[in-house]
Structures are given as structure tokens and as C-alpha cells.
Amino acid sequence: MPIYVKVDGSGEKLAHLAEGDWELPSQIEALEFWLLTNPLNLAPAKYIADLGFTVRKNACGGGAILSPEAMSIMGRLGIKLYLSEYGE
């Protein structure tokens, strides 16, 4: 799964990021990079960024950080962030 960006309520996928990567920190980095390099390619609408991740083995803190700039872009474009946790 890792990251799909799609139009809310449809199966139309706009991007498939971090394919094969199931770790949340690197997926957040990939999503942020995509947002910062492609923000003007989308018109404001209703979108979903769905991150499918698994819990890191022996995780005990730290993790993913989404910058205010990336969150601002998501807000302007109408992108909701789904965090889909999967078991091993």
C-alpha cells in the first residue's frame, strides 16, 4: 500500500509514493517531499493522503514529523491525512 493520494470518494489515484516502504517516518518524508515539489499541480478539492504503515520493531519514541509548511499545503488543497496501521 504505502502512500496513496487520491480524490476523496473516488478510486482516482493521483500519486503512489514510497512503494514498498512500510515505515511511517520515511513515508512522512516522502509525502512532504511530494507536497513541497508539487503543490501547484492540484486544484483545491477533497483529497485523501492514505499512509499505510506498520509499527517499527522495538520502536520506543521519536518518529515522524510533518512540517507546518507541508500541513499548510495540505490545508489549502483540502488533503485529509489517513494513517492506516497494518499488522505484520
N, C-alpha and C. Protein backbone atom coordinates (compact mmCIF):
# COMPACT_ATOMS: atom_id res chain seq x y z
N MET A 1 0.82 -1.19 0.00
CA MET A 1 0.00 0.00 0.00
C MET A 1 0.86 1.25 0.00
N PRO A 2 1.81 1.41 0.73
CA PRO A 2 2.26 2.56 1.44
C PRO A 2 1.51 3.87 1.30
N ILE A 3 1.73 4.74 0.35
CA ILE A 3 1.01 6.02 0.33
C ILE A 3 0.24 6.16 -0.98
N TYR A 4 -1.04 6.41 -0.85
CA TYR A 4 -1.87 6.78 -2.00
C TYR A 4 -2.42 8.16 -1.75
N VAL A 5 -2.34 9.02 -2.73
CA VAL A 5 -3.03 10.30 -2.69
C VAL A 5 -4.13 10.17 -3.73
N LYS A 6 -5.38 10.39 -3.31
CA LYS A 6 -6.50 10.19 -4.22
C LYS A 6 -7.59 11.21 -3.96
N VAL A 7 -8.51 11.28 -4.91
CA VAL A 7 -9.67 12.14 -4.77
C VAL A 7 -10.62 11.47 -3.81
N ASP A 8 -11.09 12.19 -2.80
CA ASP A 8 -11.99 11.65 -1.80
C ASP A 8 -13.28 11.17 -2.46
N GLY A 9 -13.68 9.95 -2.13
CA GLY A 9 -14.93 9.42 -2.65
C GLY A 9 -14.80 8.77 -4.02
N SER A 10 -13.60 8.66 -4.54
CA SER A 10 -13.42 8.00 -5.83
C SER A 10 -12.18 7.11 -5.76
N GLY A 11 -12.02 6.30 -6.75
CA GLY A 11 -10.84 5.45 -6.81
C GLY A 11 -9.70 6.09 -7.58
N GLU A 12 -9.87 7.35 -7.99
CA GLU A 12 -8.86 8.03 -8.79
C GLU A 12 -7.61 8.33 -7.96
N LYS A 13 -6.51 7.65 -8.27
CA LYS A 13 -5.25 7.86 -7.56
C LYS A 13 -4.42 8.91 -8.28
N LEU A 14 -3.97 9.89 -7.52
CA LEU A 14 -3.15 10.97 -8.09
C LEU A 14 -1.67 10.70 -7.92
N ALA A 15 -1.32 9.93 -6.89
CA ALA A 15 0.08 9.62 -6.64
C ALA A 15 0.17 8.34 -5.83
N HIS A 16 1.24 7.59 -6.06
CA HIS A 16 1.57 6.40 -5.27
C HIS A 16 3.02 6.58 -4.86
N LEU A 17 3.23 6.85 -3.57
CA LEU A 17 4.55 7.22 -3.07
C LEU A 17 5.10 6.15 -2.14
N ALA A 18 6.40 6.10 -1.99
CA ALA A 18 7.10 5.24 -1.04
C ALA A 18 6.69 3.77 -1.20
N GLU A 19 6.54 3.35 -2.43
CA GLU A 19 6.12 1.98 -2.70
C GLU A 19 7.08 0.97 -2.06
N GLY A 20 6.53 0.04 -1.32
CA GLY A 20 7.33 -0.98 -0.65
C GLY A 20 7.90 -0.54 0.69
N ASP A 21 7.70 0.69 1.09
CA ASP A 21 8.21 1.22 2.35
C ASP A 21 7.06 1.28 3.36
N TRP A 22 7.16 0.53 4.43
CA TRP A 22 6.08 0.46 5.42
C TRP A 22 6.40 1.21 6.71
N GLU A 23 7.48 2.01 6.74
CA GLU A 23 7.84 2.74 7.96
C GLU A 23 7.31 4.17 7.89
N LEU A 24 6.60 4.57 8.93
CA LEU A 24 5.94 5.88 8.97
C LEU A 24 6.91 7.05 8.81
N PRO A 25 8.05 7.09 9.50
CA PRO A 25 8.93 8.26 9.35
C PRO A 25 9.37 8.51 7.91
N SER A 26 9.76 7.48 7.19
CA SER A 26 10.20 7.69 5.81
C SER A 26 9.02 7.98 4.89
N GLN A 27 7.85 7.48 5.21
CA GLN A 27 6.66 7.81 4.41
C GLN A 27 6.28 9.27 4.58
N ILE A 28 6.36 9.77 5.81
CA ILE A 28 6.07 11.19 6.04
C ILE A 28 7.06 12.04 5.25
N GLU A 29 8.33 11.65 5.22
CA GLU A 29 9.33 12.37 4.42
C GLU A 29 8.96 12.37 2.95
N ALA A 30 8.52 11.21 2.43
CA ALA A 30 8.14 11.11 1.02
C ALA A 30 6.92 11.97 0.71
N LEU A 31 5.93 11.95 1.60
CA LEU A 31 4.74 12.77 1.41
C LEU A 31 5.11 14.25 1.44
N GLU A 32 5.93 14.64 2.39
CA GLU A 32 6.32 16.04 2.49
C GLU A 32 7.10 16.49 1.25
N PHE A 33 8.01 15.66 0.78
CA PHE A 33 8.77 15.99 -0.43
C PHE A 33 7.81 16.18 -1.60
N TRP A 34 6.84 15.27 -1.74
CA TRP A 34 5.86 15.37 -2.83
C TRP A 34 5.05 16.65 -2.71
N LEU A 35 4.60 16.97 -1.50
CA LEU A 35 3.81 18.19 -1.29
C LEU A 35 4.60 19.45 -1.63
N LEU A 36 5.85 19.49 -1.21
CA LEU A 36 6.67 20.69 -1.41
C LEU A 36 7.12 20.85 -2.86
N THR A 37 7.16 19.77 -3.63
CA THR A 37 7.60 19.87 -5.01
C THR A 37 6.44 19.89 -6.01
N ASN A 38 5.21 19.59 -5.55
CA ASN A 38 4.05 19.53 -6.46
C ASN A 38 2.83 20.31 -5.98
N PRO A 39 2.94 21.30 -5.13
CA PRO A 39 1.73 21.90 -4.55
C PRO A 39 0.84 22.60 -5.55
N LEU A 40 1.39 23.08 -6.65
CA LEU A 40 0.58 23.85 -7.59
C LEU A 40 -0.03 22.98 -8.69
N ASN A 41 0.25 21.68 -8.68
CA ASN A 41 -0.29 20.79 -9.70
C ASN A 41 -1.72 20.37 -9.41
N LEU A 42 -2.24 20.67 -8.24
CA LEU A 42 -3.59 20.28 -7.86
C LEU A 42 -4.44 21.50 -7.58
N ALA A 43 -5.68 21.45 -8.00
CA ALA A 43 -6.64 22.50 -7.64
C ALA A 43 -7.23 22.13 -6.28
N PRO A 44 -7.56 23.10 -5.45
CA PRO A 44 -8.19 22.79 -4.17
C PRO A 44 -9.46 21.96 -4.39
N ALA A 45 -9.59 20.89 -3.63
CA ALA A 45 -10.74 19.98 -3.73
C ALA A 45 -10.75 19.13 -2.46
N LYS A 46 -11.31 17.94 -2.54
CA LYS A 46 -11.30 17.00 -1.42
C LYS A 46 -10.42 15.82 -1.80
N TYR A 47 -9.29 15.71 -1.10
CA TYR A 47 -8.32 14.66 -1.36
C TYR A 47 -8.04 13.88 -0.08
N ILE A 48 -7.46 12.70 -0.27
CA ILE A 48 -7.02 11.87 0.84
C ILE A 48 -5.57 11.46 0.58
N ALA A 49 -4.72 11.60 1.58
CA ALA A 49 -3.39 11.01 1.55
C ALA A 49 -3.45 9.89 2.58
N ASP A 50 -3.40 8.65 2.11
CA ASP A 50 -3.53 7.47 2.98
C ASP A 50 -2.18 6.82 3.13
N LEU A 51 -1.62 6.88 4.34
CA LEU A 51 -0.33 6.27 4.63
C LEU A 51 -0.57 4.92 5.30
N GLY A 52 -0.15 3.85 4.64
CA GLY A 52 -0.27 2.51 5.21
C GLY A 52 1.07 2.12 5.81
N PHE A 53 1.11 1.92 7.12
CA PHE A 53 2.39 1.66 7.77
C PHE A 53 2.26 0.53 8.78
N THR A 54 3.40 -0.02 9.17
CA THR A 54 3.46 -0.99 10.26
C THR A 54 4.30 -0.38 11.37
N VAL A 55 4.06 -0.83 12.57
CA VAL A 55 4.82 -0.33 13.72
C VAL A 55 6.25 -0.84 13.62
N ARG A 56 7.20 0.05 13.83
CA ARG A 56 8.61 -0.34 13.78
C ARG A 56 8.94 -1.28 14.92
N LYS A 57 9.67 -2.32 14.62
CA LYS A 57 10.09 -3.27 15.64
C LYS A 57 10.95 -2.55 16.67
N ASN A 58 10.66 -2.74 17.93
CA ASN A 58 11.38 -2.13 19.04
C ASN A 58 11.28 -0.61 19.05
N ALA A 59 10.25 -0.04 18.45
CA ALA A 59 10.08 1.42 18.47
C ALA A 59 9.84 1.88 19.91
N CYS A 60 10.50 2.96 20.28
CA CYS A 60 10.32 3.45 21.65
C CYS A 60 10.40 4.97 21.70
N GLY A 61 9.86 5.62 20.69
CA GLY A 61 9.85 7.07 20.68
C GLY A 61 10.38 7.60 19.38
N GLY A 62 10.44 8.90 19.31
CA GLY A 62 10.85 9.52 18.06
C GLY A 62 9.78 9.28 17.01
N GLY A 63 10.14 9.33 15.77
CA GLY A 63 9.16 9.04 14.73
C GLY A 63 9.06 10.15 13.72
N ALA A 64 7.87 10.27 13.16
CA ALA A 64 7.64 11.14 12.02
C ALA A 64 7.23 12.54 12.44
N ILE A 65 7.68 13.52 11.66
CA ILE A 65 7.30 14.91 11.89
C ILE A 65 6.87 15.50 10.55
N LEU A 66 5.67 16.05 10.51
CA LEU A 66 5.16 16.73 9.32
C LEU A 66 5.29 18.22 9.57
N SER A 67 5.99 18.92 8.70
CA SER A 67 6.29 20.34 8.91
C SER A 67 5.05 21.21 8.78
N PRO A 68 5.07 22.38 9.41
CA PRO A 68 3.96 23.32 9.25
C PRO A 68 3.74 23.71 7.79
N GLU A 69 4.82 23.82 7.00
CA GLU A 69 4.68 24.16 5.59
C GLU A 69 3.90 23.09 4.84
N ALA A 70 4.22 21.81 5.09
CA ALA A 70 3.50 20.71 4.43
C ALA A 70 2.05 20.68 4.89
N MET A 71 1.81 20.90 6.19
CA MET A 71 0.43 20.91 6.69
C MET A 71 -0.36 22.06 6.08
N SER A 72 0.29 23.20 5.88
CA SER A 72 -0.37 24.34 5.26
C SER A 72 -0.79 24.02 3.83
N ILE A 73 0.10 23.37 3.08
CA ILE A 73 -0.23 22.98 1.70
C ILE A 73 -1.41 22.02 1.71
N MET A 74 -1.39 21.06 2.62
CA MET A 74 -2.49 20.10 2.71
C MET A 74 -3.80 20.82 3.02
N GLY A 75 -3.76 21.78 3.91
CA GLY A 75 -4.95 22.54 4.26
C GLY A 75 -5.48 23.34 3.09
N ARG A 76 -4.59 24.01 2.36
CA ARG A 76 -5.00 24.81 1.20
C ARG A 76 -5.62 23.95 0.10
N LEU A 77 -5.07 22.74 -0.09
CA LEU A 77 -5.56 21.88 -1.15
C LEU A 77 -6.74 21.01 -0.73
N GLY A 78 -7.00 20.93 0.57
CA GLY A 78 -8.10 20.09 1.04
C GLY A 78 -7.72 18.62 1.17
N ILE A 79 -6.47 18.35 1.57
CA ILE A 79 -5.99 16.98 1.71
C ILE A 79 -6.14 16.52 3.15
N LYS A 80 -6.93 15.44 3.35
CA LYS A 80 -7.05 14.81 4.66
C LYS A 80 -5.98 13.73 4.76
N LEU A 81 -5.39 13.59 5.95
CA LEU A 81 -4.35 12.59 6.17
C LEU A 81 -4.93 11.41 6.91
N TYR A 82 -4.89 10.24 6.28
CA TYR A 82 -5.30 9.00 6.91
C TYR A 82 -4.04 8.24 7.31
N LEU A 83 -4.01 7.73 8.52
CA LEU A 83 -2.90 6.90 8.99
C LEU A 83 -3.44 5.49 9.19
N SER A 84 -3.12 4.60 8.27
CA SER A 84 -3.65 3.23 8.26
C SER A 84 -2.58 2.29 8.78
N GLU A 85 -2.76 1.80 9.99
CA GLU A 85 -1.79 0.91 10.61
C GLU A 85 -2.12 -0.54 10.25
N TYR A 86 -1.10 -1.27 9.83
CA TYR A 86 -1.24 -2.68 9.47
C TYR A 86 -0.37 -3.53 10.35
N GLY A 87 -0.83 -4.73 10.65
CA GLY A 87 -0.02 -5.67 11.43
C GLY A 87 1.01 -6.33 10.52
N GLU A 88 1.87 -7.11 11.15
CA GLU A 88 2.93 -7.76 10.36
C GLU A 88 2.40 -8.80 9.42
